[in-house]
């Protein structure tokens, strides 16, 4: 998985990076031009405090979302075997939550405002790395699938719109949809050839509009 994709998709990694960045600037004394130098320490520390505050808000929002997802799963009579929550693009209000129940991934788009709201749901069958139809264990394709499954935390599904694409379900433009943002093309007819990685980041304006509506609380 590309590093820049991880940084863009999760605030935790990006803000930890910023902490290291500002620390380096403080140590190297290169953060600001000379006429701002007297305020350098104050501004740098203020920036770091803001980063830590935002990170704390992210963690708090995530815990609220996870608790709400557990409540929803319990009301459905589902026994979760695992759960994960990721913020949608550019905000920590609308979250994409996945939980597994009997081999299926259940997707919840949750808006964590003053009250918790379900903005959309969907589900997909989880694909196990060692159980892909037509793929012989021990071949190069099988090993590539296992490697991709490891970096995808085993949240693998077939892309509903791209034939042969095994995608990472954790990340999607629409937090309530199955369609992964990236995946690998599995060709079982060429077992000794590496799989190819594909990303699907071209987003239609309508999708951004739908996400904005969710952020604003409009279904």
N, C-alpha and C. Protein backbone atom coordinates (compact mmCIF):
# COMPACT_ATOMS: atom_id res chain seq x y z
N UNK A 1 0.86 -1.20 0.00
CA UNK A 1 0.00 0.00 0.00
C UNK A 1 0.88 1.23 0.00
N UNK A 2 0.60 2.22 -0.83
CA UNK A 2 1.44 3.41 -0.89
C UNK A 2 1.41 4.18 0.42
N UNK A 3 2.60 4.65 0.84
CA UNK A 3 2.69 5.39 2.10
C UNK A 3 1.85 6.65 2.07
N UNK A 4 1.88 7.37 0.91
CA UNK A 4 1.11 8.62 0.86
C UNK A 4 -0.37 8.36 0.98
N UNK A 5 -0.82 7.19 0.56
CA UNK A 5 -2.24 6.87 0.67
C UNK A 5 -2.63 6.69 2.13
N UNK A 6 -1.73 6.07 2.90
CA UNK A 6 -2.01 5.87 4.33
C UNK A 6 -2.06 7.22 5.04
N UNK A 7 -1.10 8.09 4.74
CA UNK A 7 -1.06 9.39 5.40
C UNK A 7 -2.28 10.21 5.04
N UNK A 8 -2.72 10.09 3.80
CA UNK A 8 -3.87 10.89 3.36
C UNK A 8 -5.16 10.37 3.97
N UNK A 9 -5.21 9.09 4.29
CA UNK A 9 -6.46 8.49 4.70
C UNK A 9 -6.67 8.47 6.20
N UNK A 10 -5.60 8.55 6.98
CA UNK A 10 -5.77 8.48 8.43
C UNK A 10 -5.10 9.67 9.09
N UNK A 11 -5.79 10.39 9.95
CA UNK A 11 -5.19 11.56 10.59
C UNK A 11 -4.11 11.21 11.58
N UNK A 12 -4.14 10.00 12.13
CA UNK A 12 -3.19 9.62 13.16
C UNK A 12 -1.76 9.62 12.63
N UNK A 13 -1.53 8.97 11.48
CA UNK A 13 -0.20 8.92 10.92
C UNK A 13 0.27 10.30 10.49
N UNK A 14 -0.61 11.07 9.85
CA UNK A 14 -0.21 12.38 9.35
C UNK A 14 0.15 13.33 10.48
N UNK A 15 -0.59 13.29 11.58
CA UNK A 15 -0.30 14.22 12.67
C UNK A 15 0.93 13.80 13.47
N UNK A 16 1.17 12.50 13.57
CA UNK A 16 2.42 12.06 14.19
C UNK A 16 3.60 12.54 13.35
N UNK A 17 3.42 12.50 12.03
CA UNK A 17 4.46 13.02 11.15
C UNK A 17 4.69 14.51 11.41
N UNK A 18 3.61 15.27 11.59
CA UNK A 18 3.74 16.71 11.81
C UNK A 18 4.48 17.01 13.12
N UNK A 19 4.23 16.19 14.14
CA UNK A 19 4.94 16.38 15.40
C UNK A 19 6.44 16.28 15.18
N UNK A 20 6.87 15.24 14.44
CA UNK A 20 8.30 15.09 14.13
C UNK A 20 8.80 16.26 13.29
N UNK A 21 7.97 16.73 12.37
CA UNK A 21 8.36 17.84 11.50
C UNK A 21 8.62 19.11 12.32
N UNK A 22 7.68 19.45 13.20
CA UNK A 22 7.85 20.68 13.99
C UNK A 22 8.99 20.54 15.00
N UNK A 23 9.18 19.34 15.53
CA UNK A 23 10.30 19.13 16.45
C UNK A 23 11.62 19.38 15.72
N UNK A 24 11.70 18.88 14.50
CA UNK A 24 12.92 19.10 13.72
C UNK A 24 13.13 20.59 13.47
N UNK A 25 12.05 21.29 13.16
CA UNK A 25 12.17 22.72 12.90
C UNK A 25 12.66 23.48 14.13
N UNK A 26 12.15 23.10 15.30
CA UNK A 26 12.58 23.75 16.53
C UNK A 26 14.07 23.52 16.76
N UNK A 27 14.49 22.27 16.55
CA UNK A 27 15.88 21.92 16.80
C UNK A 27 16.82 22.59 15.79
N UNK A 28 16.38 22.70 14.54
CA UNK A 28 17.25 23.25 13.50
C UNK A 28 17.17 24.78 13.41
N UNK A 29 16.22 25.39 14.16
CA UNK A 29 16.07 26.84 14.19
C UNK A 29 15.81 27.41 12.79
N UNK A 30 15.03 26.68 11.96
CA UNK A 30 14.76 27.11 10.60
C UNK A 30 13.27 27.30 10.35
N UNK A 31 12.48 27.39 11.39
CA UNK A 31 11.03 27.40 11.20
C UNK A 31 10.51 28.70 10.61
N UNK A 32 11.08 29.85 10.98
CA UNK A 32 10.52 31.13 10.57
C UNK A 32 11.63 32.08 10.13
N UNK A 33 11.27 33.10 9.33
CA UNK A 33 12.26 34.12 8.94
C UNK A 33 12.69 34.94 10.14
N UNK A 34 13.79 35.69 10.00
CA UNK A 34 14.37 36.41 11.16
C UNK A 34 13.42 37.34 11.89
N UNK A 35 12.54 38.06 11.18
CA UNK A 35 11.69 39.03 11.87
C UNK A 35 10.62 38.37 12.74
N UNK A 36 10.43 37.05 12.57
CA UNK A 36 9.47 36.33 13.41
C UNK A 36 10.20 35.49 14.46
N UNK A 37 11.53 35.50 14.41
CA UNK A 37 12.33 34.65 15.30
C UNK A 37 11.98 34.78 16.78
N UNK A 38 11.71 36.00 17.31
CA UNK A 38 11.38 36.09 18.74
C UNK A 38 10.15 35.28 19.15
N UNK A 39 9.27 35.01 18.19
CA UNK A 39 8.03 34.28 18.51
C UNK A 39 8.11 32.81 18.10
N UNK A 40 9.29 32.39 17.66
CA UNK A 40 9.42 31.06 17.07
C UNK A 40 9.04 29.95 18.04
N UNK A 41 9.58 30.00 19.23
CA UNK A 41 9.30 28.93 20.20
C UNK A 41 7.82 28.87 20.55
N UNK A 42 7.23 30.04 20.78
CA UNK A 42 5.80 30.09 21.11
C UNK A 42 4.95 29.51 19.99
N UNK A 43 5.23 29.92 18.75
CA UNK A 43 4.43 29.46 17.61
C UNK A 43 4.60 27.96 17.37
N UNK A 44 5.83 27.49 17.51
CA UNK A 44 6.08 26.06 17.32
C UNK A 44 5.38 25.22 18.38
N UNK A 45 5.48 25.65 19.63
CA UNK A 45 4.82 24.91 20.69
C UNK A 45 3.30 24.98 20.56
N UNK A 46 2.79 26.12 20.09
CA UNK A 46 1.35 26.25 19.87
C UNK A 46 0.89 25.28 18.79
N UNK A 47 1.71 25.15 17.75
CA UNK A 47 1.37 24.22 16.66
C UNK A 47 1.35 22.79 17.15
N UNK A 48 2.34 22.43 17.96
CA UNK A 48 2.40 21.06 18.49
C UNK A 48 1.21 20.81 19.41
N UNK A 49 0.86 21.79 20.24
CA UNK A 49 -0.31 21.63 21.13
C UNK A 49 -1.58 21.45 20.32
N UNK A 50 -1.70 22.20 19.22
CA UNK A 50 -2.87 22.05 18.36
C UNK A 50 -2.93 20.66 17.75
N UNK A 51 -1.78 20.17 17.31
CA UNK A 51 -1.72 18.81 16.73
C UNK A 51 -2.15 17.79 17.76
N UNK A 52 -1.63 17.90 18.99
CA UNK A 52 -1.98 16.93 20.03
C UNK A 52 -3.46 17.03 20.40
N UNK A 53 -3.99 18.25 20.42
CA UNK A 53 -5.41 18.43 20.73
C UNK A 53 -6.27 17.77 19.66
N UNK A 54 -5.90 17.99 18.41
CA UNK A 54 -6.67 17.40 17.30
C UNK A 54 -6.58 15.88 17.33
N UNK A 55 -5.39 15.37 17.60
CA UNK A 55 -5.23 13.92 17.70
C UNK A 55 -6.09 13.36 18.83
N UNK A 56 -6.16 14.08 19.95
CA UNK A 56 -7.01 13.64 21.05
C UNK A 56 -8.47 13.63 20.65
N UNK A 57 -8.89 14.64 19.88
CA UNK A 57 -10.27 14.66 19.38
C UNK A 57 -10.54 13.48 18.47
N UNK A 58 -9.56 13.15 17.63
CA UNK A 58 -9.71 11.99 16.73
C UNK A 58 -9.93 10.71 17.53
N UNK A 59 -9.11 10.51 18.54
CA UNK A 59 -9.23 9.30 19.35
C UNK A 59 -10.57 9.27 20.09
N UNK A 60 -11.00 10.43 20.59
CA UNK A 60 -12.28 10.48 21.28
C UNK A 60 -13.44 10.17 20.36
N UNK A 61 -13.41 10.74 19.15
CA UNK A 61 -14.45 10.46 18.16
C UNK A 61 -14.46 8.98 17.78
N UNK A 62 -13.28 8.42 17.62
CA UNK A 62 -13.20 7.01 17.25
C UNK A 62 -13.83 6.11 18.31
N UNK A 63 -13.59 6.42 19.57
CA UNK A 63 -14.18 5.61 20.64
C UNK A 63 -15.70 5.73 20.65
N UNK A 64 -16.22 6.92 20.40
CA UNK A 64 -17.68 7.10 20.32
C UNK A 64 -18.27 6.25 19.20
N UNK A 65 -17.60 6.29 18.05
CA UNK A 65 -18.08 5.56 16.88
C UNK A 65 -18.04 4.05 17.12
N UNK A 66 -16.95 3.57 17.68
CA UNK A 66 -16.83 2.13 17.95
C UNK A 66 -17.91 1.66 18.92
N UNK A 67 -18.18 2.46 19.94
CA UNK A 67 -19.21 2.09 20.90
C UNK A 67 -20.58 2.03 20.24
N UNK A 68 -20.86 3.01 19.36
CA UNK A 68 -22.14 3.02 18.67
C UNK A 68 -22.26 1.81 17.73
N UNK A 69 -21.18 1.46 17.07
CA UNK A 69 -21.19 0.30 16.17
C UNK A 69 -21.45 -0.98 16.95
N UNK A 70 -20.86 -1.11 18.11
CA UNK A 70 -21.11 -2.30 18.94
C UNK A 70 -22.58 -2.37 19.35
N UNK A 71 -23.15 -1.22 19.68
CA UNK A 71 -24.56 -1.18 20.05
C UNK A 71 -25.45 -1.61 18.88
N UNK A 72 -25.12 -1.13 17.69
CA UNK A 72 -25.89 -1.49 16.49
C UNK A 72 -25.77 -2.98 16.20
N UNK A 73 -24.55 -3.51 16.29
CA UNK A 73 -24.35 -4.94 16.04
C UNK A 73 -25.13 -5.79 17.03
N UNK A 74 -25.13 -5.37 18.28
CA UNK A 74 -25.86 -6.11 19.31
C UNK A 74 -27.37 -6.08 19.04
N UNK A 75 -27.87 -4.93 18.58
CA UNK A 75 -29.30 -4.82 18.28
C UNK A 75 -29.69 -5.69 17.08
N UNK A 76 -28.74 -5.98 16.22
CA UNK A 76 -28.99 -6.85 15.07
C UNK A 76 -28.82 -8.33 15.42
N UNK A 77 -28.34 -8.60 16.61
CA UNK A 77 -28.08 -9.97 16.98
C UNK A 77 -26.80 -10.51 16.39
N UNK A 78 -25.88 -9.63 16.04
CA UNK A 78 -24.62 -10.03 15.43
C UNK A 78 -23.54 -10.19 16.50
N UNK A 79 -22.73 -11.21 16.32
CA UNK A 79 -21.57 -11.41 17.19
C UNK A 79 -20.32 -10.99 16.42
N UNK A 80 -19.74 -9.88 16.80
CA UNK A 80 -18.58 -9.36 16.07
C UNK A 80 -17.33 -10.16 16.39
N UNK A 81 -16.58 -10.50 15.35
CA UNK A 81 -15.29 -11.14 15.56
C UNK A 81 -14.15 -10.12 15.49
N UNK A 82 -14.41 -8.98 14.86
CA UNK A 82 -13.44 -7.87 14.82
C UNK A 82 -14.16 -6.62 14.33
N UNK A 83 -13.52 -5.48 14.59
CA UNK A 83 -14.12 -4.20 14.23
C UNK A 83 -13.02 -3.18 13.99
N UNK A 84 -13.25 -2.25 13.08
CA UNK A 84 -12.30 -1.17 12.83
C UNK A 84 -13.07 0.06 12.40
N UNK A 85 -12.51 1.23 12.65
CA UNK A 85 -13.16 2.49 12.29
C UNK A 85 -12.13 3.45 11.70
N UNK A 86 -12.47 4.05 10.56
CA UNK A 86 -11.60 5.02 9.89
C UNK A 86 -12.40 6.29 9.59
N UNK A 87 -11.78 7.46 9.74
CA UNK A 87 -12.48 8.70 9.39
C UNK A 87 -12.62 8.82 7.89
N UNK A 88 -13.69 9.46 7.42
CA UNK A 88 -13.83 9.72 5.99
C UNK A 88 -12.95 10.92 5.63
N UNK A 89 -12.87 11.26 4.35
CA UNK A 89 -11.91 12.24 3.88
C UNK A 89 -12.12 13.63 4.47
N UNK A 90 -11.03 14.19 4.97
CA UNK A 90 -11.00 15.59 5.36
C UNK A 90 -11.79 15.97 6.58
N UNK A 91 -12.22 15.00 7.39
CA UNK A 91 -13.01 15.35 8.57
C UNK A 91 -12.98 14.20 9.57
N UNK A 92 -13.38 14.51 10.79
CA UNK A 92 -13.50 13.46 11.82
C UNK A 92 -14.94 13.41 12.35
N UNK A 93 -15.87 13.82 11.49
CA UNK A 93 -17.29 13.79 11.85
C UNK A 93 -17.94 12.51 11.33
N UNK A 94 -17.73 12.21 10.06
CA UNK A 94 -18.30 11.00 9.45
C UNK A 94 -17.23 9.91 9.37
N UNK A 95 -17.58 8.75 9.88
CA UNK A 95 -16.63 7.63 9.98
C UNK A 95 -17.13 6.42 9.21
N UNK A 96 -16.18 5.64 8.76
CA UNK A 96 -16.46 4.37 8.09
C UNK A 96 -16.09 3.25 9.07
N UNK A 97 -17.09 2.49 9.48
CA UNK A 97 -16.88 1.41 10.45
C UNK A 97 -17.13 0.07 9.78
N UNK A 98 -16.23 -0.87 10.00
CA UNK A 98 -16.39 -2.23 9.51
C UNK A 98 -16.40 -3.18 10.69
N UNK A 99 -17.33 -4.12 10.67
CA UNK A 99 -17.23 -5.22 11.63
C UNK A 99 -17.58 -6.51 10.93
N UNK A 100 -16.97 -7.59 11.40
CA UNK A 100 -17.18 -8.89 10.76
C UNK A 100 -18.15 -9.74 11.57
N UNK A 101 -19.07 -10.36 10.85
CA UNK A 101 -20.03 -11.28 11.46
C UNK A 101 -20.28 -12.42 10.48
N UNK A 102 -19.92 -13.63 10.90
CA UNK A 102 -20.13 -14.85 10.10
C UNK A 102 -19.59 -14.72 8.69
N UNK A 103 -18.37 -14.20 8.58
CA UNK A 103 -17.70 -14.13 7.29
C UNK A 103 -18.10 -12.96 6.42
N UNK A 104 -18.97 -12.10 6.91
CA UNK A 104 -19.38 -10.93 6.16
C UNK A 104 -18.90 -9.66 6.85
N UNK A 105 -18.51 -8.68 6.03
CA UNK A 105 -18.14 -7.37 6.55
C UNK A 105 -19.36 -6.46 6.47
N UNK A 106 -19.74 -5.91 7.60
CA UNK A 106 -20.86 -4.97 7.66
C UNK A 106 -20.29 -3.55 7.75
N UNK A 107 -20.74 -2.70 6.85
CA UNK A 107 -20.22 -1.34 6.74
C UNK A 107 -21.24 -0.36 7.30
N UNK A 108 -20.78 0.51 8.17
CA UNK A 108 -21.63 1.55 8.75
C UNK A 108 -20.98 2.91 8.50
N UNK A 109 -21.75 3.83 7.96
CA UNK A 109 -21.32 5.22 7.87
C UNK A 109 -21.96 5.95 9.04
N UNK A 110 -21.15 6.32 10.02
CA UNK A 110 -21.66 6.94 11.25
C UNK A 110 -21.22 8.39 11.34
N UNK A 111 -22.18 9.25 11.64
CA UNK A 111 -21.89 10.66 11.84
C UNK A 111 -21.83 10.93 13.34
N UNK A 112 -20.63 11.31 13.80
CA UNK A 112 -20.41 11.55 15.22
C UNK A 112 -20.51 13.04 15.52
N UNK A 113 -21.74 13.53 15.52
CA UNK A 113 -21.97 14.93 15.88
C UNK A 113 -22.37 15.02 17.34
N UNK A 114 -23.23 15.96 17.67
CA UNK A 114 -23.72 16.02 19.04
C UNK A 114 -24.50 14.76 19.40
N UNK A 115 -25.11 14.15 18.37
CA UNK A 115 -25.73 12.83 18.54
C UNK A 115 -25.19 11.93 17.44
N UNK A 116 -25.23 10.62 17.66
CA UNK A 116 -24.74 9.67 16.68
C UNK A 116 -25.84 9.36 15.67
N UNK A 117 -25.49 9.37 14.38
CA UNK A 117 -26.45 9.10 13.32
C UNK A 117 -25.87 8.07 12.35
N UNK A 118 -26.71 7.17 11.88
CA UNK A 118 -26.32 6.22 10.84
C UNK A 118 -26.66 6.84 9.49
N UNK A 119 -25.65 7.11 8.67
CA UNK A 119 -25.85 7.77 7.39
C UNK A 119 -25.97 6.79 6.23
N UNK A 120 -25.67 5.53 6.47
CA UNK A 120 -25.76 4.53 5.40
C UNK A 120 -25.12 3.23 5.83
N UNK A 121 -25.53 2.15 5.21
CA UNK A 121 -24.98 0.83 5.53
C UNK A 121 -24.85 0.01 4.25
N UNK A 122 -23.99 -1.00 4.30
CA UNK A 122 -23.87 -1.99 3.25
C UNK A 122 -23.09 -3.16 3.81
N UNK A 123 -22.91 -4.20 3.01
CA UNK A 123 -22.17 -5.36 3.48
C UNK A 123 -21.54 -6.08 2.30
N UNK A 124 -20.53 -6.89 2.57
CA UNK A 124 -19.84 -7.63 1.52
C UNK A 124 -19.22 -8.88 2.14
N UNK A 125 -19.07 -9.90 1.33
CA UNK A 125 -18.46 -11.14 1.79
C UNK A 125 -16.94 -10.97 1.82
N UNK A 126 -16.34 -11.33 2.93
CA UNK A 126 -14.89 -11.22 3.09
C UNK A 126 -14.20 -12.37 2.37
N UNK A 127 -13.13 -12.04 1.67
CA UNK A 127 -12.33 -13.03 0.94
C UNK A 127 -11.11 -13.38 1.76
N UNK A 128 -10.91 -14.68 2.00
CA UNK A 128 -9.73 -15.13 2.74
C UNK A 128 -8.57 -15.33 1.77
N UNK A 129 -7.40 -14.90 2.19
CA UNK A 129 -6.24 -14.91 1.29
C UNK A 129 -5.93 -16.30 0.74
N UNK A 130 -6.08 -17.33 1.54
CA UNK A 130 -5.73 -18.67 1.10
C UNK A 130 -6.88 -19.42 0.46
N UNK A 131 -7.99 -18.73 0.20
CA UNK A 131 -9.18 -19.41 -0.32
C UNK A 131 -9.76 -18.70 -1.54
N UNK A 132 -8.90 -18.14 -2.37
CA UNK A 132 -9.35 -17.47 -3.58
C UNK A 132 -9.54 -18.51 -4.68
N UNK A 133 -10.70 -18.55 -5.26
CA UNK A 133 -11.01 -19.55 -6.28
C UNK A 133 -10.02 -19.49 -7.45
N UNK A 134 -9.51 -20.66 -7.82
CA UNK A 134 -8.61 -20.76 -8.96
C UNK A 134 -7.16 -20.47 -8.68
N UNK A 135 -6.85 -19.98 -7.49
CA UNK A 135 -5.46 -19.66 -7.14
C UNK A 135 -4.84 -20.83 -6.39
N UNK A 136 -3.74 -21.35 -6.94
CA UNK A 136 -3.06 -22.50 -6.35
C UNK A 136 -2.12 -22.03 -5.24
N UNK A 137 -2.23 -22.60 -4.04
CA UNK A 137 -1.35 -22.21 -2.94
C UNK A 137 0.13 -22.39 -3.31
N UNK A 138 0.95 -21.46 -2.86
CA UNK A 138 2.38 -21.55 -3.10
C UNK A 138 2.84 -20.86 -4.37
N UNK A 139 1.92 -20.49 -5.26
CA UNK A 139 2.30 -19.79 -6.49
C UNK A 139 2.59 -18.32 -6.18
N UNK A 140 3.16 -17.63 -7.16
CA UNK A 140 3.49 -16.22 -6.97
C UNK A 140 2.24 -15.39 -6.72
N UNK A 141 1.16 -15.70 -7.45
CA UNK A 141 -0.09 -14.97 -7.25
C UNK A 141 -0.61 -15.17 -5.83
N UNK A 142 -0.55 -16.41 -5.35
CA UNK A 142 -1.02 -16.72 -3.99
C UNK A 142 -0.21 -15.95 -2.95
N UNK A 143 1.11 -15.88 -3.16
CA UNK A 143 1.97 -15.16 -2.21
C UNK A 143 1.68 -13.66 -2.25
N UNK A 144 1.42 -13.13 -3.44
CA UNK A 144 1.10 -11.71 -3.55
C UNK A 144 -0.22 -11.39 -2.85
N UNK A 145 -1.19 -12.28 -2.98
CA UNK A 145 -2.47 -12.08 -2.30
C UNK A 145 -2.29 -12.10 -0.79
N UNK A 146 -1.48 -13.03 -0.30
CA UNK A 146 -1.21 -13.10 1.14
C UNK A 146 -0.53 -11.82 1.63
N UNK A 147 0.39 -11.31 0.83
CA UNK A 147 1.09 -10.07 1.20
C UNK A 147 0.11 -8.89 1.24
N UNK A 148 -0.74 -8.81 0.23
CA UNK A 148 -1.72 -7.72 0.19
C UNK A 148 -2.72 -7.84 1.34
N UNK A 149 -3.10 -9.08 1.66
CA UNK A 149 -4.02 -9.30 2.78
C UNK A 149 -3.39 -8.83 4.09
N UNK A 150 -2.10 -9.06 4.24
CA UNK A 150 -1.40 -8.63 5.46
C UNK A 150 -1.46 -7.11 5.62
N UNK A 151 -1.17 -6.38 4.53
CA UNK A 151 -1.17 -4.92 4.61
C UNK A 151 -2.58 -4.35 4.62
N UNK A 152 -3.56 -5.16 4.26
CA UNK A 152 -4.96 -4.73 4.31
C UNK A 152 -5.65 -5.20 5.58
N UNK A 153 -4.86 -5.77 6.49
CA UNK A 153 -5.39 -6.27 7.76
C UNK A 153 -6.51 -7.30 7.53
N UNK A 154 -6.40 -8.05 6.43
CA UNK A 154 -7.34 -9.13 6.08
C UNK A 154 -8.76 -8.64 5.79
N UNK A 155 -8.91 -7.37 5.44
CA UNK A 155 -10.22 -6.85 5.02
C UNK A 155 -10.29 -6.88 3.50
N UNK A 156 -10.31 -8.06 2.92
CA UNK A 156 -10.32 -8.21 1.47
C UNK A 156 -11.73 -8.50 0.96
N UNK A 157 -12.10 -7.82 -0.13
CA UNK A 157 -13.38 -8.08 -0.81
C UNK A 157 -13.16 -7.92 -2.31
N UNK A 158 -14.02 -8.55 -3.09
CA UNK A 158 -14.00 -8.33 -4.53
C UNK A 158 -14.65 -6.98 -4.83
N UNK A 159 -14.01 -6.22 -5.67
CA UNK A 159 -14.54 -4.91 -6.05
C UNK A 159 -15.84 -5.11 -6.82
N UNK A 160 -16.92 -4.45 -6.42
CA UNK A 160 -18.21 -4.68 -7.08
C UNK A 160 -18.30 -4.12 -8.49
N UNK A 161 -17.37 -3.23 -8.86
CA UNK A 161 -17.44 -2.58 -10.17
C UNK A 161 -16.25 -2.90 -11.06
N UNK A 162 -15.21 -3.52 -10.50
CA UNK A 162 -13.99 -3.81 -11.25
C UNK A 162 -13.73 -5.32 -11.22
N UNK A 163 -13.93 -5.98 -12.35
CA UNK A 163 -13.78 -7.43 -12.40
C UNK A 163 -12.35 -7.86 -12.07
N UNK A 164 -12.22 -8.87 -11.20
CA UNK A 164 -10.92 -9.42 -10.87
C UNK A 164 -10.11 -8.63 -9.87
N UNK A 165 -10.66 -7.51 -9.39
CA UNK A 165 -9.93 -6.68 -8.43
C UNK A 165 -10.28 -7.09 -7.01
N UNK A 166 -9.24 -7.46 -6.27
CA UNK A 166 -9.38 -7.78 -4.85
C UNK A 166 -8.95 -6.54 -4.08
N UNK A 167 -9.89 -5.93 -3.37
CA UNK A 167 -9.62 -4.63 -2.79
C UNK A 167 -9.54 -4.62 -1.27
N UNK A 168 -8.99 -3.50 -0.77
CA UNK A 168 -8.88 -3.24 0.67
C UNK A 168 -10.14 -2.50 1.10
N UNK A 169 -11.01 -3.19 1.81
CA UNK A 169 -12.32 -2.65 2.16
C UNK A 169 -12.25 -1.48 3.14
N UNK A 170 -11.15 -1.30 3.82
CA UNK A 170 -11.09 -0.28 4.87
C UNK A 170 -11.22 1.14 4.32
N UNK A 171 -10.84 1.34 3.05
CA UNK A 171 -10.82 2.69 2.51
C UNK A 171 -11.70 2.81 1.27
N UNK A 172 -12.61 3.78 1.29
CA UNK A 172 -13.48 4.07 0.16
C UNK A 172 -13.86 5.54 0.22
N UNK A 173 -14.16 6.13 -0.94
CA UNK A 173 -14.53 7.54 -0.96
C UNK A 173 -15.85 7.74 -0.22
N UNK A 174 -16.82 6.91 -0.54
CA UNK A 174 -18.09 6.96 0.17
C UNK A 174 -18.01 6.03 1.39
N UNK A 175 -18.18 6.56 2.59
CA UNK A 175 -18.03 5.72 3.78
C UNK A 175 -19.10 4.65 3.93
N UNK A 176 -20.17 4.73 3.13
CA UNK A 176 -21.25 3.74 3.24
C UNK A 176 -21.23 2.73 2.10
N UNK A 177 -20.23 2.79 1.23
CA UNK A 177 -20.19 1.93 0.06
C UNK A 177 -19.09 0.87 0.18
N UNK A 178 -19.23 -0.19 -0.62
CA UNK A 178 -18.24 -1.27 -0.62
C UNK A 178 -17.00 -0.87 -1.42
N UNK A 179 -17.16 -0.20 -2.54
CA UNK A 179 -16.10 0.04 -3.53
C UNK A 179 -14.78 0.51 -2.92
N UNK A 180 -13.74 -0.35 -2.89
CA UNK A 180 -12.45 0.05 -2.32
C UNK A 180 -11.73 1.07 -3.20
N UNK A 181 -10.83 1.82 -2.58
CA UNK A 181 -10.06 2.83 -3.32
C UNK A 181 -8.88 2.22 -4.07
N UNK A 182 -8.44 1.05 -3.65
CA UNK A 182 -7.34 0.39 -4.33
C UNK A 182 -7.44 -1.12 -4.15
N UNK A 183 -6.68 -1.83 -5.00
CA UNK A 183 -6.71 -3.28 -4.91
C UNK A 183 -5.71 -3.89 -5.89
N UNK A 184 -5.72 -5.20 -5.98
CA UNK A 184 -4.81 -5.92 -6.88
C UNK A 184 -5.64 -6.70 -7.88
N UNK A 185 -5.13 -6.80 -9.10
CA UNK A 185 -5.80 -7.57 -10.15
C UNK A 185 -5.32 -9.01 -10.08
N UNK A 186 -6.23 -9.91 -9.78
CA UNK A 186 -5.89 -11.33 -9.62
C UNK A 186 -6.18 -12.06 -10.92
N UNK A 187 -5.14 -12.64 -11.49
CA UNK A 187 -5.28 -13.43 -12.72
C UNK A 187 -4.80 -14.85 -12.41
N UNK A 188 -5.74 -15.74 -12.08
CA UNK A 188 -5.38 -17.11 -11.71
C UNK A 188 -4.83 -17.89 -12.89
N UNK A 189 -5.04 -17.39 -14.11
CA UNK A 189 -4.51 -18.07 -15.29
C UNK A 189 -3.02 -17.84 -15.50
N UNK A 190 -2.45 -16.92 -14.74
CA UNK A 190 -1.00 -16.64 -14.82
C UNK A 190 -0.42 -16.74 -13.41
N UNK A 191 -0.30 -17.95 -12.89
CA UNK A 191 0.07 -18.14 -11.49
C UNK A 191 1.49 -17.71 -11.13
N UNK A 192 2.38 -17.60 -12.12
CA UNK A 192 3.77 -17.26 -11.84
C UNK A 192 4.11 -15.82 -12.21
N UNK A 193 3.08 -15.00 -12.37
CA UNK A 193 3.28 -13.58 -12.67
C UNK A 193 2.73 -12.75 -11.51
N UNK A 194 3.48 -11.74 -11.09
CA UNK A 194 3.04 -10.90 -9.99
C UNK A 194 1.72 -10.20 -10.32
N UNK A 195 0.92 -10.02 -9.30
CA UNK A 195 -0.32 -9.27 -9.48
C UNK A 195 0.02 -7.80 -9.69
N UNK A 196 -0.90 -7.05 -10.28
CA UNK A 196 -0.69 -5.62 -10.49
C UNK A 196 -1.57 -4.83 -9.51
N UNK A 197 -1.02 -3.71 -9.04
CA UNK A 197 -1.73 -2.86 -8.09
C UNK A 197 -2.49 -1.77 -8.84
N UNK A 198 -3.73 -1.52 -8.43
CA UNK A 198 -4.56 -0.51 -9.08
C UNK A 198 -5.19 0.39 -8.02
N UNK A 199 -5.24 1.68 -8.31
CA UNK A 199 -5.93 2.62 -7.43
C UNK A 199 -7.04 3.29 -8.22
N UNK A 200 -8.09 3.64 -7.50
CA UNK A 200 -9.28 4.23 -8.13
C UNK A 200 -9.61 5.53 -7.40
N UNK A 201 -8.85 6.57 -7.68
CA UNK A 201 -8.99 7.82 -6.94
C UNK A 201 -9.70 8.90 -7.71
N UNK A 202 -10.05 8.62 -8.94
CA UNK A 202 -10.80 9.61 -9.69
C UNK A 202 -12.25 9.60 -9.18
N UNK A 203 -12.61 10.67 -8.54
CA UNK A 203 -13.90 10.74 -7.86
C UNK A 203 -14.84 11.67 -8.60
N UNK A 204 -16.04 11.23 -8.83
CA UNK A 204 -17.06 12.07 -9.46
C UNK A 204 -17.55 13.13 -8.47
N UNK A 205 -17.92 14.28 -9.01
CA UNK A 205 -18.40 15.36 -8.17
C UNK A 205 -19.59 14.96 -7.33
N UNK A 206 -20.39 14.06 -7.85
CA UNK A 206 -21.57 13.61 -7.11
C UNK A 206 -21.17 12.91 -5.82
N UNK A 207 -20.08 12.14 -5.87
CA UNK A 207 -19.63 11.43 -4.67
C UNK A 207 -19.16 12.39 -3.59
N UNK A 208 -18.43 13.44 -4.01
CA UNK A 208 -18.02 14.45 -3.03
C UNK A 208 -19.24 15.15 -2.45
N UNK A 209 -20.23 15.38 -3.31
CA UNK A 209 -21.45 16.02 -2.85
C UNK A 209 -22.19 15.19 -1.83
N UNK A 210 -22.23 13.87 -2.06
CA UNK A 210 -22.89 12.98 -1.11
C UNK A 210 -22.15 12.94 0.22
N UNK A 211 -20.82 12.92 0.15
CA UNK A 211 -20.04 12.94 1.39
C UNK A 211 -20.28 14.23 2.15
N UNK A 212 -20.31 15.36 1.44
CA UNK A 212 -20.56 16.64 2.11
C UNK A 212 -21.92 16.67 2.78
N UNK A 213 -22.92 16.09 2.14
CA UNK A 213 -24.23 16.02 2.75
C UNK A 213 -24.19 15.24 4.06
N UNK A 214 -23.42 14.13 4.06
CA UNK A 214 -23.30 13.33 5.29
C UNK A 214 -22.64 14.16 6.40
N UNK A 215 -21.59 14.88 6.04
CA UNK A 215 -20.89 15.69 7.03
C UNK A 215 -21.83 16.74 7.63
N UNK A 216 -22.67 17.29 6.78
CA UNK A 216 -23.63 18.32 7.23
C UNK A 216 -24.85 17.73 7.90
N UNK A 217 -24.98 16.41 7.88
CA UNK A 217 -26.11 15.76 8.54
C UNK A 217 -27.33 15.58 7.67
N UNK A 218 -27.15 15.68 6.35
CA UNK A 218 -28.27 15.49 5.42
C UNK A 218 -28.16 14.11 4.77
N UNK A 219 -29.17 13.30 4.86
CA UNK A 219 -29.12 11.97 4.28
C UNK A 219 -29.49 12.01 2.80
